[in-house]
């Protein structure tokens, strides 16, 4: 009789343990599969100002309110720019007087958004401005306090993607990375 009671007790304990595991597994699957979109967006926004994977804090220098891009030995490289301000920031390329190019790579980055620039020149310099009623080009601000910049050095460009160009307008970090890949560049 005691053996039957112990078998029943073990069987009952076994069923309780299985029930507990199934409930725990169900809760885990529910939390992973049915996360609220707002929760995902909040997480993305909190981590949006961190550098993208593979992007290093190098290859540039802030000097006299400008940002100077110096990719070094990389013949074709990519820079990520993040606007830390609560207003749009415009980047105006500063060409040297002896430059043979007449096309400027000017660009505007929306607040708390990323933008990506591909370059193949040894040096490039931008000045930063914010919208102003007094001046069509805006008021000059310090790029060092307005931008986060990083260089992605291990980038694979296709033959049709060489040169200097902005890849897209403003976007979230993940959106910028998706657009880089969609453009055919392997970060």
Foldseek 3Di string as FASTA:
>chain_A
DVVVVVVVVVVVVVVVVVVVVVVVVVVVCCCVPPPDPVVVVVVLLVCQPDDDPQWAQDQWDFDPLKIKGANDPQQKWKKKKFFQDQAKKKKWKDDDPPDPDDDIAIAIEGHGWMWMKMARDRMIMIWMATDDPVDPNHDTDRCVVTIDMTINRPKDDDPVPDHIHIQDHTHTNVVNVVSCVVVPMGD
